[in-house]
Amino acid sequence: MRHHQKTKAVATILTAKLEDPSGYGRIIRNSDHSVERIVEHRDASDLELKIQEINSGIYVFQKARLFEGLRHINTENTQHEYYLTDVFGYFWKKHWSVSALVADKPDEIHGINTVDQLEQARLILEARRGAGAQS
């Protein structure tokens, strides 16, 4: 929240840097470190796939700007669903700043989209429980 308030951005994205960012949307930054765009893994170029900073899906918004942006999203996509991330496109069209903050502990925002990621999350939890028992 402090980062969001300090940057005066209309939205802030919590990101993480992962050794293997496969499957995650990548954060593309401007020279001033604000977010230029988010590119989904399947849509990323070879160069973009080398980016290790990923979109966690955790956001902070200026409420009025969020509700304004929500009025401009639609279901014109292959899933015929509303994508919250589409509001960022509206923000960028309006030249509104979107900031990002890299999480100190990437495991705190670990995504689970596959059986392998579920197993990885289980191992992380198991390691934490073991570390807590030893304290």
Protein backbone atom coordinates (compact mmCIF):
# COMPACT_ATOMS: atom_id res chain seq x y z
CA MET A 1 0.00 0.00 0.00
CA ARG A 2 2.84 2.41 0.82
CA HIS A 3 4.43 1.76 -2.58
CA HIS A 4 1.09 2.38 -4.32
CA GLN A 5 0.53 5.64 -2.45
CA LYS A 6 4.13 6.80 -2.97
CA THR A 7 4.02 6.25 -6.74
CA LYS A 8 0.58 7.87 -7.12
CA ALA A 9 -0.19 5.20 -9.72
CA VAL A 10 -3.77 4.35 -10.67
CA ALA A 11 -2.88 0.70 -10.14
CA THR A 12 -0.05 -1.28 -8.60
CA ILE A 13 0.78 -4.88 -9.45
CA LEU A 14 2.53 -7.19 -7.02
CA THR A 15 5.10 -9.07 -9.08
CA ALA A 16 7.72 -11.72 -8.45
CA LYS A 17 10.96 -12.75 -10.10
CA LEU A 18 11.01 -16.47 -10.76
CA GLU A 19 13.81 -18.67 -11.99
CA ASP A 20 11.28 -20.50 -14.14
CA PRO A 21 8.48 -18.09 -15.09
CA SER A 22 6.91 -20.56 -17.55
CA GLY A 23 3.17 -20.14 -17.86
CA TYR A 24 3.02 -16.72 -16.20
CA GLY A 25 2.31 -13.33 -17.73
CA ARG A 26 5.46 -11.21 -17.95
CA ILE A 27 5.81 -7.64 -16.73
CA ILE A 28 7.17 -5.28 -19.39
CA ARG A 29 8.49 -2.07 -17.84
CA ASN A 30 9.09 1.44 -19.16
CA SER A 31 12.42 3.20 -18.67
CA ASP A 32 10.96 4.92 -15.56
CA HIS A 33 10.18 1.43 -14.11
CA SER A 34 6.41 1.86 -14.44
CA VAL A 35 4.58 -1.00 -16.14
CA GLU A 36 4.26 -0.63 -19.90
CA ARG A 37 2.21 -3.79 -20.35
CA ILE A 38 1.64 -7.37 -19.30
CA VAL A 39 2.21 -10.03 -21.92
CA GLU A 40 0.77 -13.50 -21.44
CA HIS A 41 3.21 -16.40 -21.77
CA ARG A 42 1.52 -17.77 -24.88
CA ASP A 43 1.67 -14.34 -26.57
CA ALA A 44 5.25 -13.48 -25.58
CA SER A 45 8.11 -13.14 -28.05
CA ASP A 46 11.33 -15.10 -27.49
CA LEU A 47 12.87 -11.98 -25.93
CA GLU A 48 9.87 -11.43 -23.64
CA LEU A 49 9.99 -15.07 -22.53
CA LYS A 50 13.44 -14.35 -21.06
CA ILE A 51 11.88 -11.85 -18.62
CA GLN A 52 11.67 -13.39 -15.15
CA GLU A 53 9.32 -10.81 -13.57
CA ILE A 54 5.78 -12.16 -13.53
CA ASN A 55 2.28 -10.89 -12.84
CA SER A 56 1.03 -12.29 -9.51
CA GLY A 57 -2.59 -11.30 -10.10
CA ILE A 58 -2.55 -9.25 -6.88
CA TYR A 59 -3.43 -5.60 -7.48
CA VAL A 60 -4.16 -2.32 -5.72
CA PHE A 61 -6.30 0.24 -7.56
CA GLN A 62 -7.48 3.79 -7.17
CA LYS A 63 -11.16 2.92 -6.74
CA ALA A 64 -12.63 5.56 -9.07
CA ARG A 65 -10.19 4.69 -11.88
CA LEU A 66 -10.88 0.96 -11.46
CA PHE A 67 -14.64 1.44 -11.82
CA GLU A 68 -14.10 3.70 -14.81
CA GLY A 69 -11.85 1.08 -16.42
CA LEU A 70 -14.31 -1.74 -15.72
CA ARG A 71 -16.91 0.05 -17.85
CA HIS A 72 -14.54 -0.36 -20.82
CA ILE A 73 -13.79 -4.07 -20.71
CA ASN A 74 -15.70 -6.69 -22.64
CA THR A 75 -15.85 -10.41 -23.37
CA GLU A 76 -14.35 -10.20 -26.85
CA ASN A 77 -11.75 -12.92 -26.30
CA THR A 78 -11.47 -16.64 -26.95
CA GLN A 79 -12.91 -17.52 -23.52
CA HIS A 80 -15.77 -14.98 -23.76
CA GLU A 81 -14.89 -13.87 -20.24
CA TYR A 82 -14.21 -10.55 -18.54
CA TYR A 83 -10.50 -10.21 -17.76
CA LEU A 84 -9.65 -7.86 -14.92
CA THR A 85 -6.26 -7.29 -16.55
CA ASP A 86 -8.04 -5.60 -19.47
CA VAL A 87 -8.47 -2.52 -17.25
CA PHE A 88 -4.70 -2.02 -17.51
CA GLY A 89 -5.03 -1.58 -21.27
CA TYR A 90 -7.57 1.16 -20.63
CA PHE A 91 -5.22 2.82 -18.11
CA TRP A 92 -2.34 2.76 -20.58
CA LYS A 93 -4.52 4.25 -23.34
CA LYS A 94 -5.29 7.10 -20.94
CA HIS A 95 -1.53 7.41 -20.15
CA TRP A 96 -2.17 6.67 -16.48
CA SER A 97 0.72 5.23 -14.50
CA VAL A 98 0.69 1.60 -13.43
CA SER A 99 3.41 0.68 -10.95
CA ALA A 100 4.75 -2.68 -9.86
CA LEU A 101 6.37 -3.90 -6.68
CA VAL A 102 8.49 -7.05 -6.65
CA ALA A 103 7.61 -9.37 -3.76
CA ASP A 104 10.44 -10.03 -1.33
CA LYS A 105 9.47 -13.71 -1.14
CA PRO A 106 8.21 -15.05 -4.47
CA ASP A 107 6.85 -18.19 -2.80
CA GLU A 108 4.28 -15.98 -1.05
CA ILE A 109 2.44 -15.51 -4.35
CA HIS A 110 3.08 -18.93 -5.84
CA GLY A 111 0.51 -19.75 -8.53
CA ILE A 112 -1.06 -23.15 -8.95
CA ASN A 113 -2.20 -23.86 -12.49
CA THR A 114 -0.77 -27.34 -13.03
CA VAL A 115 -0.27 -30.55 -11.07
CA ASP A 116 3.50 -29.82 -11.01
CA GLN A 117 2.87 -26.36 -9.50
CA LEU A 118 0.56 -27.92 -6.91
CA GLU A 119 3.32 -30.34 -5.96
CA GLN A 120 5.81 -27.48 -5.73
CA ALA A 121 3.43 -25.58 -3.42
CA ARG A 122 3.02 -28.70 -1.27
CA LEU A 123 6.80 -28.99 -0.94
CA ILE A 124 7.10 -25.32 0.04
CA LEU A 125 4.40 -25.74 2.69
CA GLU A 126 6.00 -28.92 3.97
CA ALA A 127 9.39 -27.18 4.25
CA ARG A 128 7.80 -24.29 6.18
CA ARG A 129 6.08 -26.64 8.57
CA GLY A 130 9.38 -28.46 9.13
CA ALA A 131 11.21 -25.19 9.73
CA GLY A 132 8.50 -24.07 12.17
CA ALA A 133 8.72 -27.31 14.12
CA GLN A 134 12.48 -26.85 14.52
CA SER A 135 12.15 -23.31 15.92
